[in-house]
Amino acid sequence: MYDQVRATLIERIELGATLDEIERIVLMSKGLRPDERRDLWWFAWNYAPAPEPTLH
């Protein structure tokens, strides 16, 4: 379950998810332990998608 939520967070963050959406994903995911929720919050907060390459 943890890996599925993490993959969802990556996808949604790359598409421009709001903090409310991220919070909803983490809190509404069933089967996560409190430490897993905390780890997912830290992951989401620190995740920075790779910038799009620019063509010159």
PDB file of N, CA and C in Angstrom:
ATOM      1  N   MET A   1       0.821  -1.193   0.000  1.00  0.00           N
ATOM      2  CA  MET A   1       0.000   0.000   0.000  1.00  0.00           C
ATOM      3  C   MET A   1       0.869   1.263   0.000  1.00  0.00           C
ATOM      4  N   TYR A   2       1.919   1.245   0.803  1.00  0.00           N
ATOM      5  CA  TYR A   2       2.812   2.397   0.908  1.00  0.00           C
ATOM      6  C   TYR A   2       3.353   2.786  -0.464  1.00  0.00           C
ATOM      7  N   ASP A   3       3.822   1.801  -1.215  1.00  0.00           N
ATOM      8  CA  ASP A   3       4.402   2.081  -2.534  1.00  0.00           C
ATOM      9  C   ASP A   3       3.364   2.626  -3.510  1.00  0.00           C
ATOM     10  N   GLN A   4       2.127   2.149  -3.414  1.00  0.00           N
ATOM     11  CA  GLN A   4       1.059   2.655  -4.284  1.00  0.00           C
ATOM     12  C   GLN A   4       0.764   4.115  -3.982  1.00  0.00           C
ATOM     13  N   VAL A   5       0.689   4.456  -2.708  1.00  0.00           N
ATOM     14  CA  VAL A   5       0.421   5.845  -2.314  1.00  0.00           C
ATOM     15  C   VAL A   5       1.574   6.736  -2.746  1.00  0.00           C
ATOM     16  N   ARG A   6       2.798   6.251  -2.581  1.00  0.00           N
ATOM     17  CA  ARG A   6       3.970   7.030  -2.982  1.00  0.00           C
ATOM     18  C   ARG A   6       3.954   7.287  -4.490  1.00  0.00           C
ATOM     19  N   ALA A   7       3.618   6.266  -5.273  1.00  0.00           N
ATOM     20  CA  ALA A   7       3.537   6.430  -6.730  1.00  0.00           C
ATOM     21  C   ALA A   7       2.442   7.428  -7.102  1.00  0.00           C
ATOM     22  N   THR A   8       1.320   7.379  -6.401  1.00  0.00           N
ATOM     23  CA  THR A   8       0.234   8.325  -6.644  1.00  0.00           C
ATOM     24  C   THR A   8       0.673   9.741  -6.316  1.00  0.00           C
ATOM     25  N   LEU A   9       1.388   9.905  -5.216  1.00  0.00           N
ATOM     26  CA  LEU A   9       1.886  11.226  -4.840  1.00  0.00           C
ATOM     27  C   LEU A   9       2.836  11.779  -5.902  1.00  0.00           C
ATOM     28  N   ILE A  10       3.732  10.948  -6.390  1.00  0.00           N
ATOM     29  CA  ILE A  10       4.660  11.393  -7.433  1.00  0.00           C
ATOM     30  C   ILE A  10       3.886  11.871  -8.651  1.00  0.00           C
ATOM     31  N   GLU A  11       2.934  11.063  -9.067  1.00  0.00           N
ATOM     32  CA  GLU A  11       2.139  11.416 -10.251  1.00  0.00           C
ATOM     33  C   GLU A  11       1.385  12.719 -10.061  1.00  0.00           C
ATOM     34  N   ARG A  12       0.715  12.859  -8.926  1.00  0.00           N
ATOM     35  CA  ARG A  12      -0.094  14.051  -8.674  1.00  0.00           C
ATOM     36  C   ARG A  12       0.766  15.291  -8.486  1.00  0.00           C
ATOM     37  N   ILE A  13       1.907  15.172  -7.822  1.00  0.00           N
ATOM     38  CA  ILE A  13       2.803  16.322  -7.628  1.00  0.00           C
ATOM     39  C   ILE A  13       3.323  16.802  -8.979  1.00  0.00           C
ATOM     40  N   GLU A  14       3.691  15.860  -9.838  1.00  0.00           N
ATOM     41  CA  GLU A  14       4.188  16.237 -11.159  1.00  0.00           C
ATOM     42  C   GLU A  14       3.112  16.922 -11.997  1.00  0.00           C
ATOM     43  N   LEU A  15       1.842  16.646 -11.689  1.00  0.00           N
ATOM     44  CA  LEU A  15       0.744  17.293 -12.404  1.00  0.00           C
ATOM     45  C   LEU A  15       0.267  18.569 -11.701  1.00  0.00           C
ATOM     46  N   GLY A  16       0.949  18.952 -10.598  1.00  0.00           N
ATOM     47  CA  GLY A  16       0.633  20.207  -9.932  1.00  0.00           C
ATOM     48  C   GLY A  16      -0.366  20.104  -8.795  1.00  0.00           C
ATOM     49  N   ALA A  17      -0.330  19.024  -8.033  1.00  0.00           N
ATOM     50  CA  ALA A  17      -1.259  18.839  -6.916  1.00  0.00           C
ATOM     51  C   ALA A  17      -1.109  19.957  -5.882  1.00  0.00           C
ATOM     52  N   THR A  18      -2.226  20.317  -5.279  1.00  0.00           N
ATOM     53  CA  THR A  18      -2.210  21.296  -4.191  1.00  0.00           C
ATOM     54  C   THR A  18      -1.907  20.571  -2.877  1.00  0.00           C
ATOM     55  N   LEU A  19      -1.574  21.343  -1.845  1.00  0.00           N
ATOM     56  CA  LEU A  19      -1.339  20.745  -0.533  1.00  0.00           C
ATOM     57  C   LEU A  19      -2.591  20.054  -0.008  1.00  0.00           C
ATOM     58  N   ASP A  20      -3.755  20.612  -0.301  1.00  0.00           N
ATOM     59  CA  ASP A  20      -5.009  19.974   0.117  1.00  0.00           C
ATOM     60  C   ASP A  20      -5.167  18.606  -0.523  1.00  0.00           C
ATOM     61  N   GLU A  21      -4.830  18.500  -1.797  1.00  0.00           N
ATOM     62  CA  GLU A  21      -4.935  17.217  -2.487  1.00  0.00           C
ATOM     63  C   GLU A  21      -3.939  16.206  -1.921  1.00  0.00           C
ATOM     64  N   ILE A  22      -2.726  16.652  -1.674  1.00  0.00           N
ATOM     65  CA  ILE A  22      -1.714  15.768  -1.097  1.00  0.00           C
ATOM     66  C   ILE A  22      -2.166  15.286   0.278  1.00  0.00           C
ATOM     67  N   GLU A  23      -2.680  16.194   1.082  1.00  0.00           N
ATOM     68  CA  GLU A  23      -3.179  15.840   2.409  1.00  0.00           C
ATOM     69  C   GLU A  23      -4.291  14.804   2.309  1.00  0.00           C
ATOM     70  N   ARG A  24      -5.203  15.007   1.390  1.00  0.00           N
ATOM     71  CA  ARG A  24      -6.321  14.082   1.197  1.00  0.00           C
ATOM     72  C   ARG A  24      -5.813  12.698   0.804  1.00  0.00           C
ATOM     73  N   ILE A  25      -4.847  12.643  -0.098  1.00  0.00           N
ATOM     74  CA  ILE A  25      -4.301  11.351  -0.532  1.00  0.00           C
ATOM     75  C   ILE A  25      -3.680  10.616   0.656  1.00  0.00           C
ATOM     76  N   VAL A  26      -2.872  11.314   1.442  1.00  0.00           N
ATOM     77  CA  VAL A  26      -2.185  10.675   2.569  1.00  0.00           C
ATOM     78  C   VAL A  26      -3.174  10.260   3.653  1.00  0.00           C
ATOM     79  N   LEU A  27      -4.096  11.132   4.000  1.00  0.00           N
ATOM     80  CA  LEU A  27      -5.013  10.835   5.099  1.00  0.00           C
ATOM     81  C   LEU A  27      -6.093   9.821   4.740  1.00  0.00           C
ATOM     82  N   MET A  28      -6.526   9.793   3.490  1.00  0.00           N
ATOM     83  CA  MET A  28      -7.619   8.905   3.093  1.00  0.00           C
ATOM     84  C   MET A  28      -7.139   7.506   2.695  1.00  0.00           C
ATOM     85  N   SER A  29      -5.839   7.318   2.576  1.00  0.00           N
ATOM     86  CA  SER A  29      -5.313   6.008   2.188  1.00  0.00           C
ATOM     87  C   SER A  29      -5.433   5.052   3.371  1.00  0.00           C
ATOM     88  N   LYS A  30      -6.148   3.978   3.160  1.00  0.00           N
ATOM     89  CA  LYS A  30      -6.365   3.008   4.224  1.00  0.00           C
ATOM     90  C   LYS A  30      -5.188   2.039   4.311  1.00  0.00           C
ATOM     91  N   GLY A  31      -4.951   1.528   5.506  1.00  0.00           N
ATOM     92  CA  GLY A  31      -3.920   0.519   5.706  1.00  0.00           C
ATOM     93  C   GLY A  31      -2.537   1.054   5.976  1.00  0.00           C
ATOM     94  N   LEU A  32      -2.395   2.367   6.150  1.00  0.00           N
ATOM     95  CA  LEU A  32      -1.084   2.934   6.447  1.00  0.00           C
ATOM     96  C   LEU A  32      -0.917   3.112   7.951  1.00  0.00           C
ATOM     97  N   ARG A  33       0.271   2.797   8.431  1.00  0.00           N
ATOM     98  CA  ARG A  33       0.582   3.052   9.834  1.00  0.00           C
ATOM     99  C   ARG A  33       0.924   4.538   9.998  1.00  0.00           C
ATOM    100  N   PRO A  34       0.835   5.051  11.218  1.00  0.00           N
ATOM    101  CA  PRO A  34       1.161   6.469  11.444  1.00  0.00           C
ATOM    102  C   PRO A  34       2.564   6.845  10.973  1.00  0.00           C
ATOM    103  N   ASP A  35       3.543   5.965  11.182  1.00  0.00           N
ATOM    104  CA  ASP A  35       4.904   6.292  10.736  1.00  0.00           C
ATOM    105  C   ASP A  35       4.999   6.314   9.212  1.00  0.00           C
ATOM    106  N   GLU A  36       4.207   5.484   8.521  1.00  0.00           N
ATOM    107  CA  GLU A  36       4.189   5.510   7.067  1.00  0.00           C
ATOM    108  C   GLU A  36       3.556   6.801   6.562  1.00  0.00           C
ATOM    109  N   ARG A  37       2.490   7.260   7.218  1.00  0.00           N
ATOM    110  CA  ARG A  37       1.871   8.535   6.841  1.00  0.00           C
ATOM    111  C   ARG A  37       2.864   9.684   6.999  1.00  0.00           C
ATOM    112  N   ARG A  38       3.596   9.682   8.108  1.00  0.00           N
ATOM    113  CA  ARG A  38       4.598  10.716   8.354  1.00  0.00           C
ATOM    114  C   ARG A  38       5.676  10.677   7.275  1.00  0.00           C
ATOM    115  N   ASP A  39       6.149   9.479   6.952  1.00  0.00           N
ATOM    116  CA  ASP A  39       7.175   9.344   5.915  1.00  0.00           C
ATOM    117  C   ASP A  39       6.667   9.833   4.566  1.00  0.00           C
ATOM    118  N   LEU A  40       5.415   9.555   4.242  1.00  0.00           N
ATOM    119  CA  LEU A  40       4.844  10.022   2.975  1.00  0.00           C
ATOM    120  C   LEU A  40       4.723  11.535   2.945  1.00  0.00           C
ATOM    121  N   TRP A  41       4.375  12.139   4.090  1.00  0.00           N
ATOM    122  CA  TRP A  41       4.322  13.602   4.170  1.00  0.00           C
ATOM    123  C   TRP A  41       5.692  14.193   3.908  1.00  0.00           C
ATOM    124  N   TRP A  42       6.720  13.633   4.549  1.00  0.00           N
ATOM    125  CA  TRP A  42       8.081  14.124   4.342  1.00  0.00           C
ATOM    126  C   TRP A  42       8.498  13.945   2.896  1.00  0.00           C
ATOM    127  N   PHE A  43       8.168  12.794   2.323  1.00  0.00           N
ATOM    128  CA  PHE A  43       8.494  12.547   0.925  1.00  0.00           C
ATOM    129  C   PHE A  43       7.829  13.589   0.025  1.00  0.00           C
ATOM    130  N   ALA A  44       6.527  13.803   0.221  1.00  0.00           N
ATOM    131  CA  ALA A  44       5.787  14.752  -0.619  1.00  0.00           C
ATOM    132  C   ALA A  44       6.342  16.162  -0.460  1.00  0.00           C
ATOM    133  N   TRP A  45       6.682  16.538   0.749  1.00  0.00           N
ATOM    134  CA  TRP A  45       7.177  17.886   1.006  1.00  0.00           C
ATOM    135  C   TRP A  45       8.528  18.121   0.319  1.00  0.00           C
ATOM    136  N   ASN A  46       9.381  17.092   0.281  1.00  0.00           N
ATOM    137  CA  ASN A  46      10.735  17.226  -0.253  1.00  0.00           C
ATOM    138  C   ASN A  46      10.868  16.824  -1.716  1.00  0.00           C
ATOM    139  N   TYR A  47       9.828  16.232  -2.285  1.00  0.00           N
ATOM    140  CA  TYR A  47       9.915  15.751  -3.660  1.00  0.00           C
ATOM    141  C   TYR A  47       9.936  16.921  -4.638  1.00  0.00           C
ATOM    142  N   ALA A  48      10.899  16.920  -5.517  1.00  0.00           N
ATOM    143  CA  ALA A  48      11.005  17.958  -6.544  1.00  0.00           C
ATOM    144  C   ALA A  48      11.161  17.268  -7.895  1.00  0.00           C
ATOM    145  N   PRO A  49      10.145  17.353  -8.744  1.00  0.00           N
ATOM    146  CA  PRO A  49      10.265  16.720 -10.066  1.00  0.00           C
ATOM    147  C   PRO A  49      11.430  17.313 -10.849  1.00  0.00           C
ATOM    148  N   ALA A  50      12.008  16.496 -11.707  1.00  0.00           N
ATOM    149  CA  ALA A  50      13.105  16.975 -12.555  1.00  0.00           C
ATOM    150  C   ALA A  50      12.548  18.035 -13.508  1.00  0.00           C
ATOM    151  N   PRO A  51      13.282  19.116 -13.698  1.00  0.00           N
ATOM    152  CA  PRO A  51      12.800  20.164 -14.613  1.00  0.00           C
ATOM    153  C   PRO A  51      12.743  19.648 -16.039  1.00  0.00           C
ATOM    154  N   GLU A  52      11.802  20.192 -16.783  1.00  0.00           N
ATOM    155  CA  GLU A  52      11.665  19.840 -18.207  1.00  0.00           C
ATOM    156  C   GLU A  52      12.874  20.397 -18.946  1.00  0.00           C
ATOM    157  N   PRO A  53      13.460  19.609 -19.845  1.00  0.00           N
ATOM    158  CA  PRO A  53      14.574  20.137 -20.626  1.00  0.00           C
ATOM    159  C   PRO A  53      14.093  21.249 -21.571  1.00  0.00           C
ATOM    160  N   THR A  54      14.906  22.250 -21.724  1.00  0.00           N
ATOM    161  CA  THR A  54      14.535  23.350 -22.614  1.00  0.00           C
ATOM    162  C   THR A  54      15.314  23.219 -23.917  1.00  0.00           C
ATOM    163  N   LEU A  55      14.666  23.516 -24.989  1.00  0.00           N
ATOM    164  CA  LEU A  55      15.299  23.485 -26.292  1.00  0.00           C
ATOM    165  C   LEU A  55      15.735  24.897 -26.662  1.00  0.00           C
ATOM    166  N   HIS A  56      16.941  25.043 -27.071  1.00  0.00           N
ATOM    167  CA  HIS A  56      17.449  26.377 -27.439  1.00  0.00           C
ATOM    168  C   HIS A  56      17.453  26.542 -28.915  1.00  0.00           C
TER     169      HIS A  56
END
